[in-house]
Amino acid sequence: MALFALLFVWQFPHFLAIGWIYRDEYQAAGLKMLPSFVDGGHRTALVALVYAVVFVPISLLPTHIGMTGPLSLSAGLVLSSAYLAATLGFVLKRTAA
């Protein structure tokens, strides 16, 4: 269940960012994507941020329920915080980089 939760919450910021990066190509191909382009991607970035914030405690769940040890806890905290920081960058400046 913990792995499912990790993958489920991780996928939203990931795919919203991909949709944003390739928005011109998707529009040129006539494909409708979930990221909203009407408001300059502001709503898309905020949705990604909500999921990234939720991802931080979920990444610590395997250690909390006894599946992993302190190394996993440390890695989960560092990596999920980096993921959150990258998402914050997307909120502040929606570019491909």
PDB file of N, CA and C in Angstrom:
ATOM      1  N   MET A   1       0.820  -1.193   0.000  1.00  0.00           N
ATOM      2  CA  MET A   1       0.000   0.000   0.000  1.00  0.00           C
ATOM      3  C   MET A   1       0.869   1.265   0.000  1.00  0.00           C
ATOM      4  N   ALA A   2       1.991   1.213   0.727  1.00  0.00           N
ATOM      5  CA  ALA A   2       2.874   2.382   0.791  1.00  0.00           C
ATOM      6  C   ALA A   2       3.467   2.681  -0.582  1.00  0.00           C
ATOM      7  N   LEU A   3       3.876   1.634  -1.310  1.00  0.00           N
ATOM      8  CA  LEU A   3       4.439   1.845  -2.646  1.00  0.00           C
ATOM      9  C   LEU A   3       3.377   2.409  -3.588  1.00  0.00           C
ATOM     10  N   PHE A   4       2.165   1.898  -3.510  1.00  0.00           N
ATOM     11  CA  PHE A   4       1.076   2.435  -4.327  1.00  0.00           C
ATOM     12  C   PHE A   4       0.873   3.919  -4.042  1.00  0.00           C
ATOM     13  N   ALA A   5       0.846   4.283  -2.771  1.00  0.00           N
ATOM     14  CA  ALA A   5       0.646   5.691  -2.398  1.00  0.00           C
ATOM     15  C   ALA A   5       1.770   6.566  -2.937  1.00  0.00           C
ATOM     16  N   LEU A   6       3.006   6.085  -2.827  1.00  0.00           N
ATOM     17  CA  LEU A   6       4.149   6.845  -3.355  1.00  0.00           C
ATOM     18  C   LEU A   6       4.009   7.087  -4.854  1.00  0.00           C
ATOM     19  N   LEU A   7       3.745   6.021  -5.589  1.00  0.00           N
ATOM     20  CA  LEU A   7       3.643   6.152  -7.044  1.00  0.00           C
ATOM     21  C   LEU A   7       2.429   6.974  -7.462  1.00  0.00           C
ATOM     22  N   PHE A   8       1.331   6.798  -6.765  1.00  0.00           N
ATOM     23  CA  PHE A   8       0.118   7.538  -7.105  1.00  0.00           C
ATOM     24  C   PHE A   8       0.328   9.043  -6.944  1.00  0.00           C
ATOM     25  N   VAL A   9       0.882   9.454  -5.816  1.00  0.00           N
ATOM     26  CA  VAL A   9       1.055  10.886  -5.545  1.00  0.00           C
ATOM     27  C   VAL A   9       2.194  11.472  -6.382  1.00  0.00           C
ATOM     28  N   TRP A  10       3.228  10.692  -6.651  1.00  0.00           N
ATOM     29  CA  TRP A  10       4.371  11.157  -7.440  1.00  0.00           C
ATOM     30  C   TRP A  10       3.977  11.488  -8.875  1.00  0.00           C
ATOM     31  N   GLN A  11       3.058  10.706  -9.451  1.00  0.00           N
ATOM     32  CA  GLN A  11       2.786  10.830 -10.873  1.00  0.00           C
ATOM     33  C   GLN A  11       2.166  12.172 -11.273  1.00  0.00           C
ATOM     34  N   PHE A  12       1.409  12.799 -10.418  1.00  0.00           N
ATOM     35  CA  PHE A  12       0.709  14.017 -10.825  1.00  0.00           C
ATOM     36  C   PHE A  12       1.650  15.191 -11.109  1.00  0.00           C
ATOM     37  N   PRO A  13       2.529  15.576 -10.196  1.00  0.00           N
ATOM     38  CA  PRO A  13       3.457  16.660 -10.547  1.00  0.00           C
ATOM     39  C   PRO A  13       4.343  16.291 -11.732  1.00  0.00           C
ATOM     40  N   HIS A  14       4.729  15.021 -11.800  1.00  0.00           N
ATOM     41  CA  HIS A  14       5.597  14.553 -12.878  1.00  0.00           C
ATOM     42  C   HIS A  14       4.935  14.746 -14.245  1.00  0.00           C
ATOM     43  N   PHE A  15       3.735  14.239 -14.406  1.00  0.00           N
ATOM     44  CA  PHE A  15       3.073  14.313 -15.702  1.00  0.00           C
ATOM     45  C   PHE A  15       2.521  15.706 -16.004  1.00  0.00           C
ATOM     46  N   LEU A  16       2.161  16.467 -14.999  1.00  0.00           N
ATOM     47  CA  LEU A  16       1.750  17.850 -15.245  1.00  0.00           C
ATOM     48  C   LEU A  16       2.924  18.663 -15.774  1.00  0.00           C
ATOM     49  N   ALA A  17       4.108  18.431 -15.221  1.00  0.00           N
ATOM     50  CA  ALA A  17       5.296  19.142 -15.702  1.00  0.00           C
ATOM     51  C   ALA A  17       5.636  18.727 -17.131  1.00  0.00           C
ATOM     52  N   ILE A  18       5.547  17.440 -17.441  1.00  0.00           N
ATOM     53  CA  ILE A  18       5.801  16.983 -18.810  1.00  0.00           C
ATOM     54  C   ILE A  18       4.782  17.602 -19.762  1.00  0.00           C
ATOM     55  N   GLY A  19       3.520  17.612 -19.365  1.00  0.00           N
ATOM     56  CA  GLY A  19       2.487  18.231 -20.194  1.00  0.00           C
ATOM     57  C   GLY A  19       2.748  19.704 -20.424  1.00  0.00           C
ATOM     58  N   TRP A  20       3.273  20.377 -19.415  1.00  0.00           N
ATOM     59  CA  TRP A  20       3.582  21.800 -19.547  1.00  0.00           C
ATOM     60  C   TRP A  20       4.775  22.014 -20.480  1.00  0.00           C
ATOM     61  N   ILE A  21       5.818  21.207 -20.323  1.00  0.00           N
ATOM     62  CA  ILE A  21       7.017  21.358 -21.148  1.00  0.00           C
ATOM     63  C   ILE A  21       6.690  21.156 -22.625  1.00  0.00           C
ATOM     64  N   TYR A  22       5.875  20.166 -22.932  1.00  0.00           N
ATOM     65  CA  TYR A  22       5.569  19.829 -24.323  1.00  0.00           C
ATOM     66  C   TYR A  22       4.203  20.339 -24.765  1.00  0.00           C
ATOM     67  N   ARG A  23       3.695  21.364 -24.118  1.00  0.00           N
ATOM     68  CA  ARG A  23       2.354  21.870 -24.418  1.00  0.00           C
ATOM     69  C   ARG A  23       2.196  22.306 -25.870  1.00  0.00           C
ATOM     70  N   ASP A  24       3.216  22.935 -26.442  1.00  0.00           N
ATOM     71  CA  ASP A  24       3.117  23.392 -27.833  1.00  0.00           C
ATOM     72  C   ASP A  24       3.013  22.211 -28.794  1.00  0.00           C
ATOM     73  N   GLU A  25       3.796  21.164 -28.545  1.00  0.00           N
ATOM     74  CA  GLU A  25       3.747  19.979 -29.399  1.00  0.00           C
ATOM     75  C   GLU A  25       2.397  19.275 -29.289  1.00  0.00           C
ATOM     76  N   TYR A  26       1.881  19.175 -28.063  1.00  0.00           N
ATOM     77  CA  TYR A  26       0.578  18.539 -27.872  1.00  0.00           C
ATOM     78  C   TYR A  26      -0.531  19.343 -28.566  1.00  0.00           C
ATOM     79  N   GLN A  27      -0.477  20.663 -28.449  1.00  0.00           N
ATOM     80  CA  GLN A  27      -1.489  21.504 -29.100  1.00  0.00           C
ATOM     81  C   GLN A  27      -1.381  21.404 -30.616  1.00  0.00           C
ATOM     82  N   ALA A  28      -0.148  21.377 -31.139  1.00  0.00           N
ATOM     83  CA  ALA A  28       0.046  21.265 -32.588  1.00  0.00           C
ATOM     84  C   ALA A  28      -0.502  19.941 -33.119  1.00  0.00           C
ATOM     85  N   ALA A  29      -0.426  18.900 -32.304  1.00  0.00           N
ATOM     86  CA  ALA A  29      -0.940  17.593 -32.707  1.00  0.00           C
ATOM     87  C   ALA A  29      -2.443  17.467 -32.467  1.00  0.00           C
ATOM     88  N   GLY A  30      -3.045  18.485 -31.853  1.00  0.00           N
ATOM     89  CA  GLY A  30      -4.473  18.459 -31.581  1.00  0.00           C
ATOM     90  C   GLY A  30      -4.856  17.625 -30.369  1.00  0.00           C
ATOM     91  N   LEU A  31      -3.893  17.344 -29.503  1.00  0.00           N
ATOM     92  CA  LEU A  31      -4.161  16.545 -28.310  1.00  0.00           C
ATOM     93  C   LEU A  31      -4.530  17.447 -27.140  1.00  0.00           C
ATOM     94  N   LYS A  32      -5.527  17.044 -26.405  1.00  0.00           N
ATOM     95  CA  LYS A  32      -5.938  17.777 -25.208  1.00  0.00           C
ATOM     96  C   LYS A  32      -5.193  17.193 -24.014  1.00  0.00           C
ATOM     97  N   MET A  33      -4.572  18.060 -23.256  1.00  0.00           N
ATOM     98  CA  MET A  33      -3.818  17.619 -22.084  1.00  0.00           C
ATOM     99  C   MET A  33      -4.423  18.236 -20.837  1.00  0.00           C
ATOM    100  N   LEU A  34      -4.174  17.613 -19.697  1.00  0.00           N
ATOM    101  CA  LEU A  34      -4.714  18.091 -18.437  1.00  0.00           C
ATOM    102  C   LEU A  34      -4.183  19.463 -18.024  1.00  0.00           C
ATOM    103  N   PRO A  35      -2.896  19.780 -18.213  1.00  0.00           N
ATOM    104  CA  PRO A  35      -2.441  21.110 -17.777  1.00  0.00           C
ATOM    105  C   PRO A  35      -3.249  22.226 -18.426  1.00  0.00           C
ATOM    106  N   SER A  36      -3.652  23.174 -17.615  1.00  0.00           N
ATOM    107  CA  SER A  36      -4.429  24.311 -18.095  1.00  0.00           C
ATOM    108  C   SER A  36      -3.491  25.383 -18.628  1.00  0.00           C
ATOM    109  N   PHE A  37      -3.702  25.784 -19.876  1.00  0.00           N
ATOM    110  CA  PHE A  37      -2.846  26.791 -20.494  1.00  0.00           C
ATOM    111  C   PHE A  37      -3.489  28.172 -20.469  1.00  0.00           C
ATOM    112  N   VAL A  38      -4.755  28.244 -20.090  1.00  0.00           N
ATOM    113  CA  VAL A  38      -5.503  29.493 -20.141  1.00  0.00           C
ATOM    114  C   VAL A  38      -4.914  30.547 -19.213  1.00  0.00           C
ATOM    115  N   ASP A  39      -4.534  30.140 -18.014  1.00  0.00           N
ATOM    116  CA  ASP A  39      -4.040  31.101 -17.020  1.00  0.00           C
ATOM    117  C   ASP A  39      -2.517  31.137 -16.941  1.00  0.00           C
ATOM    118  N   GLY A  40      -1.852  30.729 -18.007  1.00  0.00           N
ATOM    119  CA  GLY A  40      -0.394  30.709 -17.999  1.00  0.00           C
ATOM    120  C   GLY A  40       0.173  29.551 -17.201  1.00  0.00           C
ATOM    121  N   GLY A  41      -0.645  28.573 -16.901  1.00  0.00           N
ATOM    122  CA  GLY A  41      -0.203  27.398 -16.173  1.00  0.00           C
ATOM    123  C   GLY A  41      -0.210  27.548 -14.667  1.00  0.00           C
ATOM    124  N   HIS A  42      -0.767  28.647 -14.165  1.00  0.00           N
ATOM    125  CA  HIS A  42      -0.765  28.884 -12.720  1.00  0.00           C
ATOM    126  C   HIS A  42      -1.529  27.788 -11.977  1.00  0.00           C
ATOM    127  N   ARG A  43      -2.705  27.451 -12.444  1.00  0.00           N
ATOM    128  CA  ARG A  43      -3.511  26.418 -11.786  1.00  0.00           C
ATOM    129  C   ARG A  43      -2.812  25.059 -11.866  1.00  0.00           C
ATOM    130  N   THR A  44      -2.215  24.772 -13.004  1.00  0.00           N
ATOM    131  CA  THR A  44      -1.478  23.522 -13.170  1.00  0.00           C
ATOM    132  C   THR A  44      -0.348  23.416 -12.159  1.00  0.00           C
ATOM    133  N   ALA A  45       0.392  24.503 -11.991  1.00  0.00           N
ATOM    134  CA  ALA A  45       1.509  24.521 -11.043  1.00  0.00           C
ATOM    135  C   ALA A  45       1.017  24.350  -9.609  1.00  0.00           C
ATOM    136  N   LEU A  46      -0.108  24.955  -9.276  1.00  0.00           N
ATOM    137  CA  LEU A  46      -0.637  24.816  -7.917  1.00  0.00           C
ATOM    138  C   LEU A  46      -1.114  23.394  -7.626  1.00  0.00           C
ATOM    139  N   VAL A  47      -1.725  22.752  -8.609  1.00  0.00           N
ATOM    140  CA  VAL A  47      -2.140  21.355  -8.429  1.00  0.00           C
ATOM    141  C   VAL A  47      -0.905  20.479  -8.220  1.00  0.00           C
ATOM    142  N   ALA A  48       0.134  20.716  -9.012  1.00  0.00           N
ATOM    143  CA  ALA A  48       1.382  19.965  -8.848  1.00  0.00           C
ATOM    144  C   ALA A  48       1.967  20.196  -7.459  1.00  0.00           C
ATOM    145  N   LEU A  49       1.883  21.419  -6.971  1.00  0.00           N
ATOM    146  CA  LEU A  49       2.422  21.741  -5.653  1.00  0.00           C
ATOM    147  C   LEU A  49       1.677  20.997  -4.541  1.00  0.00           C
ATOM    148  N   VAL A  50       0.368  20.920  -4.646  1.00  0.00           N
ATOM    149  CA  VAL A  50      -0.419  20.201  -3.633  1.00  0.00           C
ATOM    150  C   VAL A  50       0.035  18.740  -3.553  1.00  0.00           C
ATOM    151  N   TYR A  51       0.171  18.100  -4.703  1.00  0.00           N
ATOM    152  CA  TYR A  51       0.604  16.703  -4.704  1.00  0.00           C
ATOM    153  C   TYR A  51       2.040  16.556  -4.213  1.00  0.00           C
ATOM    154  N   ALA A  52       2.914  17.498  -4.532  1.00  0.00           N
ATOM    155  CA  ALA A  52       4.303  17.430  -4.063  1.00  0.00           C
ATOM    156  C   ALA A  52       4.382  17.596  -2.548  1.00  0.00           C
ATOM    157  N   VAL A  53       3.536  18.445  -1.989  1.00  0.00           N
ATOM    158  CA  VAL A  53       3.501  18.611  -0.529  1.00  0.00           C
ATOM    159  C   VAL A  53       3.021  17.313   0.132  1.00  0.00           C
ATOM    160  N   VAL A  54       2.011  16.695  -0.434  1.00  0.00           N
ATOM    161  CA  VAL A  54       1.489  15.434   0.104  1.00  0.00           C
ATOM    162  C   VAL A  54       2.533  14.315  -0.031  1.00  0.00           C
ATOM    163  N   PHE A  55       3.373  14.413  -1.058  1.00  0.00           N
ATOM    164  CA  PHE A  55       4.387  13.386  -1.306  1.00  0.00           C
ATOM    165  C   PHE A  55       5.419  13.295  -0.177  1.00  0.00           C
ATOM    166  N   VAL A  56       5.732  14.414   0.464  1.00  0.00           N
ATOM    167  CA  VAL A  56       6.764  14.408   1.513  1.00  0.00           C
ATOM    168  C   VAL A  56       6.403  13.448   2.656  1.00  0.00           C
ATOM    169  N   PRO A  57       5.255  13.583   3.311  1.00  0.00           N
ATOM    170  CA  PRO A  57       4.962  12.624   4.392  1.00  0.00           C
ATOM    171  C   PRO A  57       4.742  11.194   3.891  1.00  0.00           C
ATOM    172  N   ILE A  58       4.212  11.050   2.684  1.00  0.00           N
ATOM    173  CA  ILE A  58       3.999   9.700   2.155  1.00  0.00           C
ATOM    174  C   ILE A  58       5.332   9.001   1.910  1.00  0.00           C
ATOM    175  N   SER A  59       6.365   9.762   1.545  1.00  0.00           N
ATOM    176  CA  SER A  59       7.676   9.147   1.319  1.00  0.00           C
ATOM    177  C   SER A  59       8.283   8.618   2.618  1.00  0.00           C
ATOM    178  N   LEU A  60       7.797   9.100   3.742  1.00  0.00           N
ATOM    179  CA  LEU A  60       8.280   8.636   5.044  1.00  0.00           C
ATOM    180  C   LEU A  60       7.448   7.469   5.587  1.00  0.00           C
ATOM    181  N   LEU A  61       6.347   7.174   4.940  1.00  0.00           N
ATOM    182  CA  LEU A  61       5.425   6.127   5.388  1.00  0.00           C
ATOM    183  C   LEU A  61       6.065   4.741   5.506  1.00  0.00           C
ATOM    184  N   PRO A  62       6.881   4.290   4.539  1.00  0.00           N
ATOM    185  CA  PRO A  62       7.469   2.947   4.687  1.00  0.00           C
ATOM    186  C   PRO A  62       8.274   2.778   5.977  1.00  0.00           C
ATOM    187  N   THR A  63       8.988   3.806   6.395  1.00  0.00           N
ATOM    188  CA  THR A  63       9.737   3.715   7.648  1.00  0.00           C
ATOM    189  C   THR A  63       8.788   3.736   8.842  1.00  0.00           C
ATOM    190  N   HIS A  64       7.769   4.551   8.767  1.00  0.00           N
ATOM    191  CA  HIS A  64       6.811   4.667   9.871  1.00  0.00           C
ATOM    192  C   HIS A  64       6.103   3.342  10.161  1.00  0.00           C
ATOM    193  N   ILE A  65       5.807   2.592   9.114  1.00  0.00           N
ATOM    194  CA  ILE A  65       5.100   1.320   9.320  1.00  0.00           C
ATOM    195  C   ILE A  65       6.063   0.144   9.480  1.00  0.00           C
ATOM    196  N   GLY A  66       7.374   0.420   9.552  1.00  0.00           N
ATOM    197  CA  GLY A  66       8.353  -0.616   9.837  1.00  0.00           C
ATOM    198  C   GLY A  66       8.883  -1.391   8.652  1.00  0.00           C
ATOM    199  N   MET A  67       8.609  -0.941   7.438  1.00  0.00           N
ATOM    200  CA  MET A  67       9.100  -1.648   6.255  1.00  0.00           C
ATOM    201  C   MET A  67      10.575  -1.361   5.987  1.00  0.00           C
ATOM    202  N   THR A  68      11.042  -0.181   6.346  1.00  0.00           N
ATOM    203  CA  THR A  68      12.412   0.227   6.052  1.00  0.00           C
ATOM    204  C   THR A  68      13.039   0.837   7.302  1.00  0.00           C
ATOM    205  N   GLY A  69      14.321   1.154   7.185  1.00  0.00           N
ATOM    206  CA  GLY A  69      15.046   1.679   8.332  1.00  0.00           C
ATOM    207  C   GLY A  69      15.396   3.147   8.200  1.00  0.00           C
ATOM    208  N   PRO A  70      16.349   3.595   9.018  1.00  0.00           N
ATOM    209  CA  PRO A  70      16.713   5.010   9.061  1.00  0.00           C
ATOM    210  C   PRO A  70      17.323   5.537   7.760  1.00  0.00           C
ATOM    211  N   LEU A  71      18.038   4.685   7.032  1.00  0.00           N
ATOM    212  CA  LEU A  71      18.614   5.133   5.760  1.00  0.00           C
ATOM    213  C   LEU A  71      17.508   5.504   4.775  1.00  0.00           C
ATOM    214  N   SER A  72      16.480   4.684   4.710  1.00  0.00           N
ATOM    215  CA  SER A  72      15.339   4.979   3.841  1.00  0.00           C
ATOM    216  C   SER A  72      14.616   6.240   4.296  1.00  0.00           C
ATOM    217  N   LEU A  73      14.511   6.425   5.590  1.00  0.00           N
ATOM    218  CA  LEU A  73      13.881   7.635   6.120  1.00  0.00           C
ATOM    219  C   LEU A  73      14.653   8.873   5.679  1.00  0.00           C
ATOM    220  N   SER A  74      15.976   8.813   5.815  1.00  0.00           N
ATOM    221  CA  SER A  74      16.811   9.948   5.409  1.00  0.00           C
ATOM    222  C   SER A  74      16.706  10.201   3.912  1.00  0.00           C
ATOM    223  N   ALA A  75      16.801   9.130   3.121  1.00  0.00           N
ATOM    224  CA  ALA A  75      16.705   9.270   1.669  1.00  0.00           C
ATOM    225  C   ALA A  75      15.335   9.808   1.267  1.00  0.00           C
ATOM    226  N   GLY A  76      14.288   9.295   1.891  1.00  0.00           N
ATOM    227  CA  GLY A  76      12.937   9.769   1.581  1.00  0.00           C
ATOM    228  C   GLY A  76      12.760  11.236   1.886  1.00  0.00           C
ATOM    229  N   LEU A  77      13.296  11.658   3.006  1.00  0.00           N
ATOM    230  CA  LEU A  77      13.173  13.066   3.390  1.00  0.00           C
ATOM    231  C   LEU A  77      13.951  13.974   2.446  1.00  0.00           C
ATOM    232  N   VAL A  78      15.181  13.598   2.133  1.00  0.00           N
ATOM    233  CA  VAL A  78      16.015  14.417   1.244  1.00  0.00           C
ATOM    234  C   VAL A  78      15.426  14.464  -0.163  1.00  0.00           C
ATOM    235  N   LEU A  79      15.086  13.302  -0.710  1.00  0.00           N
ATOM    236  CA  LEU A  79      14.602  13.253  -2.090  1.00  0.00           C
ATOM    237  C   LEU A  79      13.214  13.877  -2.249  1.00  0.00           C
ATOM    238  N   SER A  80      12.330  13.648  -1.305  1.00  0.00           N
ATOM    239  CA  SER A  80      11.001  14.257  -1.420  1.00  0.00           C
ATOM    240  C   SER A  80      11.084  15.768  -1.225  1.00  0.00           C
ATOM    241  N   SER A  81      12.010  16.222  -0.404  1.00  0.00           N
ATOM    242  CA  SER A  81      12.211  17.669  -0.243  1.00  0.00           C
ATOM    243  C   SER A  81      12.762  18.286  -1.524  1.00  0.00           C
ATOM    244  N   ALA A  82      13.667  17.574  -2.191  1.00  0.00           N
ATOM    245  CA  ALA A  82      14.191  18.057  -3.474  1.00  0.00           C
ATOM    246  C   ALA A  82      13.076  18.103  -4.521  1.00  0.00           C
ATOM    247  N   TYR A  83      12.211  17.096  -4.505  1.00  0.00           N
ATOM    248  CA  TYR A  83      11.069  17.059  -5.424  1.00  0.00           C
ATOM    249  C   TYR A  83      10.128  18.238  -5.160  1.00  0.00           C
ATOM    250  N   LEU A  84       9.900  18.516  -3.891  1.00  0.00           N
ATOM    251  CA  LEU A  84       9.071  19.660  -3.504  1.00  0.00           C
ATOM    252  C   LEU A  84       9.721  20.968  -3.949  1.00  0.00           C
ATOM    253  N   ALA A  85      11.033  21.087  -3.787  1.00  0.00           N
ATOM    254  CA  ALA A  85      11.742  22.302  -4.209  1.00  0.00           C
ATOM    255  C   ALA A  85      11.647  22.492  -5.719  1.00  0.00           C
ATOM    256  N   ALA A  86      11.773  21.413  -6.480  1.00  0.00           N
ATOM    257  CA  ALA A  86      11.645  21.510  -7.935  1.00  0.00           C
ATOM    258  C   ALA A  86      10.232  21.937  -8.324  1.00  0.00           C
ATOM    259  N   THR A  87       9.242  21.425  -7.615  1.00  0.00           N
ATOM    260  CA  THR A  87       7.859  21.811  -7.890  1.00  0.00           C
ATOM    261  C   THR A  87       7.620  23.273  -7.532  1.00  0.00           C
ATOM    262  N   LEU A  88       8.214  23.724  -6.451  1.00  0.00           N
ATOM    263  CA  LEU A  88       8.119  25.152  -6.104  1.00  0.00           C
ATOM    264  C   LEU A  88       8.735  26.011  -7.201  1.00  0.00           C
ATOM    265  N   GLY A  89       9.833  25.549  -7.774  1.00  0.00           N
ATOM    266  CA  GLY A  89      10.433  26.254  -8.907  1.00  0.00           C
ATOM    267  C   GLY A  89       9.477  26.331 -10.082  1.00  0.00           C
ATOM    268  N   PHE A  90       8.731  25.261 -10.312  1.00  0.00           N
ATOM    269  CA  PHE A  90       7.730  25.235 -11.378  1.00  0.00           C
ATOM    270  C   PHE A  90       6.610  26.230 -11.091  1.00  0.00           C
ATOM    271  N   VAL A  91       6.216  26.350  -9.825  1.00  0.00           N
ATOM    272  CA  VAL A  91       5.169  27.308  -9.442  1.00  0.00           C
ATOM    273  C   VAL A  91       5.645  28.740  -9.690  1.00  0.00           C
ATOM    274  N   LEU A  92       6.872  29.023  -9.309  1.00  0.00           N
ATOM    275  CA  LEU A  92       7.391  30.388  -9.412  1.00  0.00           C
ATOM    276  C   LEU A  92       7.765  30.780 -10.833  1.00  0.00           C
ATOM    277  N   LYS A  93       8.265  29.836 -11.601  1.00  0.00           N
ATOM    278  CA  LYS A  93       8.721  30.140 -12.964  1.00  0.00           C
ATOM    279  C   LYS A  93       8.462  28.924 -13.835  1.00  0.00           C
ATOM    280  N   ARG A  94       7.395  28.973 -14.601  1.00  0.00           N
ATOM    281  CA  ARG A  94       7.005  27.836 -15.413  1.00  0.00           C
ATOM    282  C   ARG A  94       7.767  27.829 -16.731  1.00  0.00           C
ATOM    283  N   THR A  95       8.956  27.222 -16.690  1.00  0.00           N
ATOM    284  CA  THR A  95       9.777  27.068 -17.890  1.00  0.00           C
ATOM    285  C   THR A  95      10.111  25.599 -18.060  1.00  0.00           C
ATOM    286  N   ALA A  96      10.729  25.274 -19.181  1.00  0.00           N
ATOM    287  CA  ALA A  96      11.098  23.887 -19.456  1.00  0.00           C
ATOM    288  C   ALA A  96      12.319  23.451 -18.667  1.00  0.00           C
ATOM    289  N   ALA A  97      13.074  24.392 -18.111  1.00  0.00           N
ATOM    290  CA  ALA A  97      14.318  24.015 -17.413  1.00  0.00           C
ATOM    291  C   ALA A  97      14.060  23.688 -15.969  1.00  0.00           C
TER     292      ALA A  97
END
